[in-house]
């Protein structure tokens, strides 16, 4: 699922001013908080799912199940790749 997100909300969430500072801020944030913030941004986005032409990507940040792309038009896209296996697994009692 690829979503166009408001870059200002993304930058404010991680307290950065540009895309270049985003990766270091994410690396300094705990993984669970990063996942929470990105899921929250995806859920609050008013935009529908869009097709991202990856040939227009200027920069990208690759995280575990998340990809953040900046295209040449300065639009920021969030791609979420959650595996179905993760959703179907149950925790062990032992």
PDB file of N, CA and C in Angstrom:
ATOM      1  N   UNK A   1       0.846  -1.159   0.000  1.00  0.00           N
ATOM      2  CA  UNK A   1       0.000   0.000   0.000  1.00  0.00           C
ATOM      3  C   UNK A   1       0.901   1.235   0.000  1.00  0.00           C
ATOM      4  N   UNK A   2       0.682   2.132  -0.946  1.00  0.00           N
ATOM      5  CA  UNK A   2       1.461   3.361  -1.050  1.00  0.00           C
ATOM      6  C   UNK A   2       0.536   4.548  -0.854  1.00  0.00           C
ATOM      7  N   UNK A   3       0.933   5.441   0.032  1.00  0.00           N
ATOM      8  CA  UNK A   3       0.099   6.576   0.400  1.00  0.00           C
ATOM      9  C   UNK A   3       0.910   7.860   0.257  1.00  0.00           C
ATOM     10  N   UNK A   4       0.284   8.871  -0.315  1.00  0.00           N
ATOM     11  CA  UNK A   4       0.881  10.201  -0.338  1.00  0.00           C
ATOM     12  C   UNK A   4       0.603  10.842   1.012  1.00  0.00           C
ATOM     13  N   UNK A   5       1.650  11.203   1.735  1.00  0.00           N
ATOM     14  CA  UNK A   5       1.473  11.790   3.067  1.00  0.00           C
ATOM     15  C   UNK A   5       1.848  13.265   3.031  1.00  0.00           C
ATOM     16  N   UNK A   6       1.293  14.000   3.956  1.00  0.00           N
ATOM     17  CA  UNK A   6       1.623  15.409   4.093  1.00  0.00           C
ATOM     18  C   UNK A   6       3.031  15.502   4.675  1.00  0.00           C
ATOM     19  N   UNK A   7       3.956  16.025   3.891  1.00  0.00           N
ATOM     20  CA  UNK A   7       5.352  16.042   4.335  1.00  0.00           C
ATOM     21  C   UNK A   7       5.555  16.923   5.561  1.00  0.00           C
ATOM     22  N   UNK A   8       4.733  17.952   5.712  1.00  0.00           N
ATOM     23  CA  UNK A   8       4.873  18.818   6.880  1.00  0.00           C
ATOM     24  C   UNK A   8       4.503  18.071   8.164  1.00  0.00           C
ATOM     25  N   UNK A   9       3.461  17.247   8.090  1.00  0.00           N
ATOM     26  CA  UNK A   9       3.104  16.417   9.247  1.00  0.00           C
ATOM     27  C   UNK A   9       4.210  15.411   9.560  1.00  0.00           C
ATOM     28  N   UNK A  10       4.763  14.821   8.528  1.00  0.00           N
ATOM     29  CA  UNK A  10       5.854  13.864   8.714  1.00  0.00           C
ATOM     30  C   UNK A  10       7.065  14.542   9.344  1.00  0.00           C
ATOM     31  N   UNK A  11       7.434  15.692   8.825  1.00  0.00           N
ATOM     32  CA  UNK A  11       8.595  16.409   9.355  1.00  0.00           C
ATOM     33  C   UNK A  11       8.345  16.865  10.791  1.00  0.00           C
ATOM     34  N   UNK A  12       7.134  17.342  11.081  1.00  0.00           N
ATOM     35  CA  UNK A  12       6.822  17.771  12.441  1.00  0.00           C
ATOM     36  C   UNK A  12       6.814  16.602  13.415  1.00  0.00           C
ATOM     37  N   UNK A  13       6.349  15.450  12.957  1.00  0.00           N
ATOM     38  CA  UNK A  13       6.306  14.266  13.812  1.00  0.00           C
ATOM     39  C   UNK A  13       7.707  13.873  14.275  1.00  0.00           C
ATOM     40  N   UNK A  14       8.665  13.924  13.366  1.00  0.00           N
ATOM     41  CA  UNK A  14      10.032  13.527  13.702  1.00  0.00           C
ATOM     42  C   UNK A  14      10.930  14.721  14.012  1.00  0.00           C
ATOM     43  N   UNK A  15      10.335  15.914  14.100  1.00  0.00           N
ATOM     44  CA  UNK A  15      11.049  17.141  14.488  1.00  0.00           C
ATOM     45  C   UNK A  15      12.246  17.435  13.592  1.00  0.00           C
ATOM     46  N   UNK A  16      11.993  17.392  12.287  1.00  0.00           N
ATOM     47  CA  UNK A  16      13.021  17.735  11.302  1.00  0.00           C
ATOM     48  C   UNK A  16      12.466  18.803  10.366  1.00  0.00           C
ATOM     49  N   UNK A  17      13.360  19.391   9.574  1.00  0.00           N
ATOM     50  CA  UNK A  17      12.937  20.438   8.655  1.00  0.00           C
ATOM     51  C   UNK A  17      13.025  20.035   7.188  1.00  0.00           C
ATOM     52  N   UNK A  18      13.703  18.928   6.912  1.00  0.00           N
ATOM     53  CA  UNK A  18      13.812  18.488   5.526  1.00  0.00           C
ATOM     54  C   UNK A  18      13.971  16.962   5.472  1.00  0.00           C
ATOM     55  N   UNK A  19      13.849  16.429   4.280  1.00  0.00           N
ATOM     56  CA  UNK A  19      13.915  14.985   4.091  1.00  0.00           C
ATOM     57  C   UNK A  19      15.297  14.436   4.446  1.00  0.00           C
ATOM     58  N   UNK A  20      16.330  15.224   4.208  1.00  0.00           N
ATOM     59  CA  UNK A  20      17.699  14.762   4.488  1.00  0.00           C
ATOM     60  C   UNK A  20      17.938  14.491   5.966  1.00  0.00           C
ATOM     61  N   UNK A  21      17.230  15.183   6.840  1.00  0.00           N
ATOM     62  CA  UNK A  21      17.392  14.999   8.282  1.00  0.00           C
ATOM     63  C   UNK A  21      16.519  13.868   8.830  1.00  0.00           C
ATOM     64  N   UNK A  22      15.590  13.399   8.021  1.00  0.00           N
ATOM     65  CA  UNK A  22      14.593  12.432   8.484  1.00  0.00           C
ATOM     66  C   UNK A  22      15.196  11.098   8.909  1.00  0.00           C
ATOM     67  N   UNK A  23      16.105  10.572   8.132  1.00  0.00           N
ATOM     68  CA  UNK A  23      16.673   9.254   8.444  1.00  0.00           C
ATOM     69  C   UNK A  23      17.409   9.243   9.776  1.00  0.00           C
ATOM     70  N   UNK A  24      18.187  10.270  10.059  1.00  0.00           N
ATOM     71  CA  UNK A  24      18.907  10.291  11.340  1.00  0.00           C
ATOM     72  C   UNK A  24      17.939  10.432  12.507  1.00  0.00           C
ATOM     73  N   UNK A  25      16.866  11.187  12.321  1.00  0.00           N
ATOM     74  CA  UNK A  25      15.865  11.314  13.380  1.00  0.00           C
ATOM     75  C   UNK A  25      15.157   9.984  13.626  1.00  0.00           C
ATOM     76  N   UNK A  26      14.840   9.272  12.555  1.00  0.00           N
ATOM     77  CA  UNK A  26      14.197   7.961  12.685  1.00  0.00           C
ATOM     78  C   UNK A  26      15.131   6.979  13.378  1.00  0.00           C
ATOM     79  N   UNK A  27      16.413   7.035  13.048  1.00  0.00           N
ATOM     80  CA  UNK A  27      17.385   6.135  13.680  1.00  0.00           C
ATOM     81  C   UNK A  27      17.549   6.410  15.167  1.00  0.00           C
ATOM     82  N   UNK A  28      17.274   7.639  15.588  1.00  0.00           N
ATOM     83  CA  UNK A  28      17.375   7.992  17.002  1.00  0.00           C
ATOM     84  C   UNK A  28      16.074   7.776  17.763  1.00  0.00           C
ATOM     85  N   UNK A  29      15.030   7.336  17.080  1.00  0.00           N
ATOM     86  CA  UNK A  29      13.735   7.063  17.692  1.00  0.00           C
ATOM     87  C   UNK A  29      13.593   5.559  17.847  1.00  0.00           C
ATOM     88  N   UNK A  30      12.967   5.128  18.912  1.00  0.00           N
ATOM     89  CA  UNK A  30      12.799   3.686  19.114  1.00  0.00           C
ATOM     90  C   UNK A  30      11.963   3.092  17.981  1.00  0.00           C
ATOM     91  N   UNK A  31      12.239   1.855  17.592  1.00  0.00           N
ATOM     92  CA  UNK A  31      11.502   1.230  16.488  1.00  0.00           C
ATOM     93  C   UNK A  31       9.996   1.172  16.715  1.00  0.00           C
ATOM     94  N   UNK A  32       9.570   0.923  17.939  1.00  0.00           N
ATOM     95  CA  UNK A  32       8.126   0.840  18.194  1.00  0.00           C
ATOM     96  C   UNK A  32       7.463   2.204  18.043  1.00  0.00           C
ATOM     97  N   UNK A  33       8.141   3.270  18.444  1.00  0.00           N
ATOM     98  CA  UNK A  33       7.586   4.611  18.276  1.00  0.00           C
ATOM     99  C   UNK A  33       7.573   5.010  16.800  1.00  0.00           C
ATOM    100  N   UNK A  34       8.615   4.644  16.073  1.00  0.00           N
ATOM    101  CA  UNK A  34       8.657   4.933  14.645  1.00  0.00           C
ATOM    102  C   UNK A  34       7.500   4.245  13.936  1.00  0.00           C
ATOM    103  N   UNK A  35       7.268   2.986  14.260  1.00  0.00           N
ATOM    104  CA  UNK A  35       6.160   2.248  13.655  1.00  0.00           C
ATOM    105  C   UNK A  35       4.822   2.884  14.020  1.00  0.00           C
ATOM    106  N   UNK A  36       4.679   3.283  15.264  1.00  0.00           N
ATOM    107  CA  UNK A  36       3.441   3.938  15.705  1.00  0.00           C
ATOM    108  C   UNK A  36       3.217   5.238  14.936  1.00  0.00           C
ATOM    109  N   UNK A  37       4.247   6.071  14.824  1.00  0.00           N
ATOM    110  CA  UNK A  37       4.127   7.347  14.119  1.00  0.00           C
ATOM    111  C   UNK A  37       3.780   7.139  12.648  1.00  0.00           C
ATOM    112  N   UNK A  38       4.441   6.194  11.994  1.00  0.00           N
ATOM    113  CA  UNK A  38       4.191   5.969  10.568  1.00  0.00           C
ATOM    114  C   UNK A  38       2.799   5.381  10.335  1.00  0.00           C
ATOM    115  N   UNK A  39       2.371   4.468  11.203  1.00  0.00           N
ATOM    116  CA  UNK A  39       1.006   3.936  11.084  1.00  0.00           C
ATOM    117  C   UNK A  39      -0.024   5.033  11.305  1.00  0.00           C
ATOM    118  N   UNK A  40       0.237   5.904  12.264  1.00  0.00           N
ATOM    119  CA  UNK A  40      -0.673   7.012  12.537  1.00  0.00           C
ATOM    120  C   UNK A  40      -0.760   7.958  11.341  1.00  0.00           C
ATOM    121  N   UNK A  41       0.380   8.261  10.725  1.00  0.00           N
ATOM    122  CA  UNK A  41       0.382   9.111   9.533  1.00  0.00           C
ATOM    123  C   UNK A  41      -0.376   8.452   8.387  1.00  0.00           C
ATOM    124  N   UNK A  42      -0.213   7.153   8.234  1.00  0.00           N
ATOM    125  CA  UNK A  42      -0.912   6.437   7.161  1.00  0.00           C
ATOM    126  C   UNK A  42      -2.415   6.432   7.405  1.00  0.00           C
ATOM    127  N   UNK A  43      -2.827   6.251   8.648  1.00  0.00           N
ATOM    128  CA  UNK A  43      -4.256   6.207   8.971  1.00  0.00           C
ATOM    129  C   UNK A  43      -4.908   7.577   8.899  1.00  0.00           C
ATOM    130  N   UNK A  44      -4.155   8.627   9.174  1.00  0.00           N
ATOM    131  CA  UNK A  44      -4.731   9.964   9.175  1.00  0.00           C
ATOM    132  C   UNK A  44      -4.645  10.647   7.815  1.00  0.00           C
ATOM    133  N   UNK A  45      -4.011   9.998   6.858  1.00  0.00           N
ATOM    134  CA  UNK A  45      -3.865  10.595   5.543  1.00  0.00           C
ATOM    135  C   UNK A  45      -5.208  10.651   4.829  1.00  0.00           C
ATOM    136  N   UNK A  46      -5.511  11.814   4.263  1.00  0.00           N
ATOM    137  CA  UNK A  46      -6.748  11.986   3.503  1.00  0.00           C
ATOM    138  C   UNK A  46      -6.618  11.456   2.087  1.00  0.00           C
ATOM    139  N   UNK A  47      -5.413  11.197   1.680  1.00  0.00           N
ATOM    140  CA  UNK A  47      -5.171  10.749   0.316  1.00  0.00           C
ATOM    141  C   UNK A  47      -5.481   9.258   0.172  1.00  0.00           C
ATOM    142  N   UNK A  48      -5.922   8.903  -0.986  1.00  0.00           N
ATOM    143  CA  UNK A  48      -6.155   7.489  -1.261  1.00  0.00           C
ATOM    144  C   UNK A  48      -4.843   6.845  -1.691  1.00  0.00           C
ATOM    145  N   UNK A  49      -4.867   5.539  -1.837  1.00  0.00           N
ATOM    146  CA  UNK A  49      -3.680   4.837  -2.279  1.00  0.00           C
ATOM    147  C   UNK A  49      -3.346   5.281  -3.697  1.00  0.00           C
ATOM    148  N   UNK A  50      -2.091   5.516  -3.954  1.00  0.00           N
ATOM    149  CA  UNK A  50      -1.648   5.998  -5.247  1.00  0.00           C
ATOM    150  C   UNK A  50      -0.594   5.077  -5.813  1.00  0.00           C
ATOM    151  N   UNK A  51      -0.481   5.122  -7.121  1.00  0.00           N
ATOM    152  CA  UNK A  51       0.600   4.390  -7.774  1.00  0.00           C
ATOM    153  C   UNK A  51       1.809   5.309  -7.822  1.00  0.00           C
ATOM    154  N   UNK A  52       2.877   4.867  -7.228  1.00  0.00           N
ATOM    155  CA  UNK A  52       4.115   5.641  -7.222  1.00  0.00           C
ATOM    156  C   UNK A  52       4.993   5.147  -8.358  1.00  0.00           C
ATOM    157  N   UNK A  53       5.362   6.056  -9.215  1.00  0.00           N
ATOM    158  CA  UNK A  53       6.291   5.732 -10.282  1.00  0.00           C
ATOM    159  C   UNK A  53       7.700   5.818  -9.693  1.00  0.00           C
ATOM    160  N   UNK A  54       8.298   4.681  -9.455  1.00  0.00           N
ATOM    161  CA  UNK A  54       9.579   4.644  -8.743  1.00  0.00           C
ATOM    162  C   UNK A  54      10.737   5.197  -9.568  1.00  0.00           C
ATOM    163  N   UNK A  55      10.508   5.458 -10.847  1.00  0.00           N
ATOM    164  CA  UNK A  55      11.560   6.115 -11.627  1.00  0.00           C
ATOM    165  C   UNK A  55      11.646   7.601 -11.302  1.00  0.00           C
ATOM    166  N   UNK A  56      10.611   8.132 -10.632  1.00  0.00           N
ATOM    167  CA  UNK A  56      10.602   9.540 -10.238  1.00  0.00           C
ATOM    168  C   UNK A  56      11.066   9.753  -8.800  1.00  0.00           C
ATOM    169  N   UNK A  57      11.593   8.734  -8.174  1.00  0.00           N
ATOM    170  CA  UNK A  57      12.035   8.846  -6.788  1.00  0.00           C
ATOM    171  C   UNK A  57      13.415   9.490  -6.741  1.00  0.00           C
ATOM    172  N   UNK A  58      13.505  10.545  -5.955  1.00  0.00           N
ATOM    173  CA  UNK A  58      14.771  11.238  -5.789  1.00  0.00           C
ATOM    174  C   UNK A  58      15.571  10.653  -4.633  1.00  0.00           C
ATOM    175  N   UNK A  59      14.904  10.425  -3.488  1.00  0.00           N
ATOM    176  CA  UNK A  59      15.546   9.859  -2.310  1.00  0.00           C
ATOM    177  C   UNK A  59      14.589   8.872  -1.669  1.00  0.00           C
ATOM    178  N   UNK A  60      15.148   7.936  -0.921  1.00  0.00           N
ATOM    179  CA  UNK A  60      14.304   6.978  -0.216  1.00  0.00           C
ATOM    180  C   UNK A  60      14.950   6.593   1.111  1.00  0.00           C
ATOM    181  N   UNK A  61      14.081   6.202   2.028  1.00  0.00           N
ATOM    182  CA  UNK A  61      14.514   5.688   3.326  1.00  0.00           C
ATOM    183  C   UNK A  61      13.848   4.334   3.482  1.00  0.00           C
ATOM    184  N   UNK A  62      14.644   3.320   3.707  1.00  0.00           N
ATOM    185  CA  UNK A  62      14.129   1.970   3.839  1.00  0.00           C
ATOM    186  C   UNK A  62      14.168   1.554   5.300  1.00  0.00           C
ATOM    187  N   UNK A  63      13.014   1.204   5.825  1.00  0.00           N
ATOM    188  CA  UNK A  63      12.901   0.706   7.186  1.00  0.00           C
ATOM    189  C   UNK A  63      12.407  -0.728   7.108  1.00  0.00           C
ATOM    190  N   UNK A  64      12.126  -1.339   8.212  1.00  0.00           N
ATOM    191  CA  UNK A  64      11.731  -2.743   8.240  1.00  0.00           C
ATOM    192  C   UNK A  64      10.571  -3.042   7.292  1.00  0.00           C
ATOM    193  N   UNK A  65       9.393  -2.555   7.583  1.00  0.00           N
ATOM    194  CA  UNK A  65       8.216  -2.774   6.734  1.00  0.00           C
ATOM    195  C   UNK A  65       7.746  -1.497   6.064  1.00  0.00           C
ATOM    196  N   UNK A  66       8.533  -0.461   6.127  1.00  0.00           N
ATOM    197  CA  UNK A  66       8.143   0.842   5.621  1.00  0.00           C
ATOM    198  C   UNK A  66       9.204   1.379   4.667  1.00  0.00           C
ATOM    199  N   UNK A  67       8.735   2.034   3.637  1.00  0.00           N
ATOM    200  CA  UNK A  67       9.600   2.733   2.707  1.00  0.00           C
ATOM    201  C   UNK A  67       9.068   4.152   2.603  1.00  0.00           C
ATOM    202  N   UNK A  68       9.938   5.124   2.735  1.00  0.00           N
ATOM    203  CA  UNK A  68       9.554   6.522   2.593  1.00  0.00           C
ATOM    204  C   UNK A  68      10.289   7.056   1.368  1.00  0.00           C
ATOM    205  N   UNK A  69       9.521   7.599   0.436  1.00  0.00           N
ATOM    206  CA  UNK A  69      10.084   8.086  -0.816  1.00  0.00           C
ATOM    207  C   UNK A  69       9.839   9.581  -0.965  1.00  0.00           C
ATOM    208  N   UNK A  70      10.818  10.270  -1.501  1.00  0.00           N
ATOM    209  CA  UNK A  70      10.681  11.661  -1.895  1.00  0.00           C
ATOM    210  C   UNK A  70      10.858  11.695  -3.403  1.00  0.00           C
ATOM    211  N   UNK A  71       9.837  12.191  -4.118  1.00  0.00           N
ATOM    212  CA  UNK A  71       9.973  12.244  -5.572  1.00  0.00           C
ATOM    213  C   UNK A  71      10.516  13.603  -6.009  1.00  0.00           C
ATOM    214  N   UNK A  72      10.729  13.749  -7.306  1.00  0.00           N
ATOM    215  CA  UNK A  72      11.315  14.983  -7.821  1.00  0.00           C
ATOM    216  C   UNK A  72      10.381  16.176  -7.686  1.00  0.00           C
ATOM    217  N   UNK A  73       9.103  15.940  -7.457  1.00  0.00           N
ATOM    218  CA  UNK A  73       8.141  17.022  -7.228  1.00  0.00           C
ATOM    219  C   UNK A  73       8.038  17.390  -5.753  1.00  0.00           C
ATOM    220  N   UNK A  74       8.910  16.809  -4.932  1.00  0.00           N
ATOM    221  CA  UNK A  74       8.956  17.039  -3.485  1.00  0.00           C
ATOM    222  C   UNK A  74       7.732  16.481  -2.760  1.00  0.00           C
ATOM    223  N   UNK A  75       7.077  15.484  -3.343  1.00  0.00           N
ATOM    224  CA  UNK A  75       5.995  14.765  -2.670  1.00  0.00           C
ATOM    225  C   UNK A  75       6.595  13.616  -1.878  1.00  0.00           C
ATOM    226  N   UNK A  76       6.018  13.335  -0.731  1.00  0.00           N
ATOM    227  CA  UNK A  76       6.510  12.253   0.123  1.00  0.00           C
ATOM    228  C   UNK A  76       5.474  11.130   0.126  1.00  0.00           C
ATOM    229  N   UNK A  77       5.939   9.922  -0.158  1.00  0.00           N
ATOM    230  CA  UNK A  77       5.094   8.742  -0.188  1.00  0.00           C
ATOM    231  C   UNK A  77       5.531   7.776   0.896  1.00  0.00           C
ATOM    232  N   UNK A  78       4.566   7.118   1.486  1.00  0.00           N
ATOM    233  CA  UNK A  78       4.820   6.084   2.482  1.00  0.00           C
ATOM    234  C   UNK A  78       4.292   4.774   1.935  1.00  0.00           C
ATOM    235  N   UNK A  79       5.170   3.796   1.830  1.00  0.00           N
ATOM    236  CA  UNK A  79       4.776   2.466   1.364  1.00  0.00           C
ATOM    237  C   UNK A  79       4.890   1.505   2.543  1.00  0.00           C
ATOM    238  N   UNK A  80       3.810   0.792   2.789  1.00  0.00           N
ATOM    239  CA  UNK A  80       3.770  -0.160   3.903  1.00  0.00           C
ATOM    240  C   UNK A  80       3.718  -1.561   3.317  1.00  0.00           C
ATOM    241  N   UNK A  81       4.675  -2.391   3.696  1.00  0.00           N
ATOM    242  CA  UNK A  81       4.759  -3.773   3.219  1.00  0.00           C
ATOM    243  C   UNK A  81       4.708  -4.711   4.407  1.00  0.00           C
ATOM    244  N   UNK A  82       3.539  -4.942   4.915  1.00  0.00           N
ATOM    245  CA  UNK A  82       3.401  -5.885   6.026  1.00  0.00           C
ATOM    246  C   UNK A  82       3.076  -7.251   5.432  1.00  0.00           C
ATOM    247  N   UNK A  83       3.881  -8.220   5.796  1.00  0.00           N
ATOM    248  CA  UNK A  83       3.694  -9.577   5.295  1.00  0.00           C
ATOM    249  C   UNK A  83       2.459 -10.206   5.921  1.00  0.00           C
ATOM    250  N   UNK A  84       1.781 -11.006   5.132  1.00  0.00           N
ATOM    251  CA  UNK A  84       0.618 -11.733   5.642  1.00  0.00           C
ATOM    252  C   UNK A  84       1.040 -12.748   6.693  1.00  0.00           C
ATOM    253  N   UNK A  85       2.262 -13.265   6.612  1.00  0.00           N
ATOM    254  CA  UNK A  85       2.721 -14.248   7.587  1.00  0.00           C
ATOM    255  C   UNK A  85       2.738 -13.658   8.995  1.00  0.00           C
ATOM    256  N   UNK A  86       3.122 -12.377   9.093  1.00  0.00           N
ATOM    257  CA  UNK A  86       3.164 -11.726  10.404  1.00  0.00           C
ATOM    258  C   UNK A  86       1.773 -11.616  11.013  1.00  0.00           C
ATOM    259  N   UNK A  87       0.764 -11.385  10.181  1.00  0.00           N
ATOM    260  CA  UNK A  87      -0.591 -11.238  10.683  1.00  0.00           C
ATOM    261  C   UNK A  87      -1.221 -12.563  11.053  1.00  0.00           C
ATOM    262  N   UNK A  88      -0.756 -13.648  10.456  1.00  0.00           N
ATOM    263  CA  UNK A  88      -1.361 -14.952  10.688  1.00  0.00           C
ATOM    264  C   UNK A  88      -0.689 -15.724  11.821  1.00  0.00           C
ATOM    265  N   UNK A  89       0.483 -15.291  12.231  1.00  0.00           N
ATOM    266  CA  UNK A  89       1.184 -15.999  13.293  1.00  0.00           C
ATOM    267  C   UNK A  89       0.540 -15.699  14.638  1.00  0.00           C
ATOM    268  N   UNK A  90       0.555 -16.694  15.486  1.00  0.00           N
ATOM    269  CA  UNK A  90       0.068 -16.500  16.852  1.00  0.00           C
ATOM    270  C   UNK A  90       1.242 -16.680  17.805  1.00  0.00           C
ATOM    271  N   UNK A  91       1.164 -16.012  18.903  1.00  0.00           N
ATOM    272  CA  UNK A  91       2.230 -16.112  19.885  1.00  0.00           C
ATOM    273  C   UNK A  91       2.216 -17.443  20.586  1.00  0.00           C
ATOM    274  N   UNK A  92       3.358 -17.880  21.001  1.00  0.00           N
ATOM    275  CA  UNK A  92       3.488 -19.135  21.715  1.00  0.00           C
ATOM    276  C   UNK A  92       3.240 -18.895  23.190  1.00  0.00           C
ATOM    277  N   UNK A  93       2.669 -19.882  23.830  1.00  0.00           N
ATOM    278  CA  UNK A  93       2.449 -19.809  25.260  1.00  0.00           C
ATOM    279  C   UNK A  93       3.663 -20.269  26.049  1.00  0.00           C
ATOM    280  N   UNK A  94       4.644 -20.837  25.387  1.00  0.00           N
ATOM    281  CA  UNK A  94       5.807 -21.379  26.081  1.00  0.00           C
ATOM    282  C   UNK A  94       7.006 -20.528  25.909  1.00  0.00           C
TER     283      UNK A  94
END
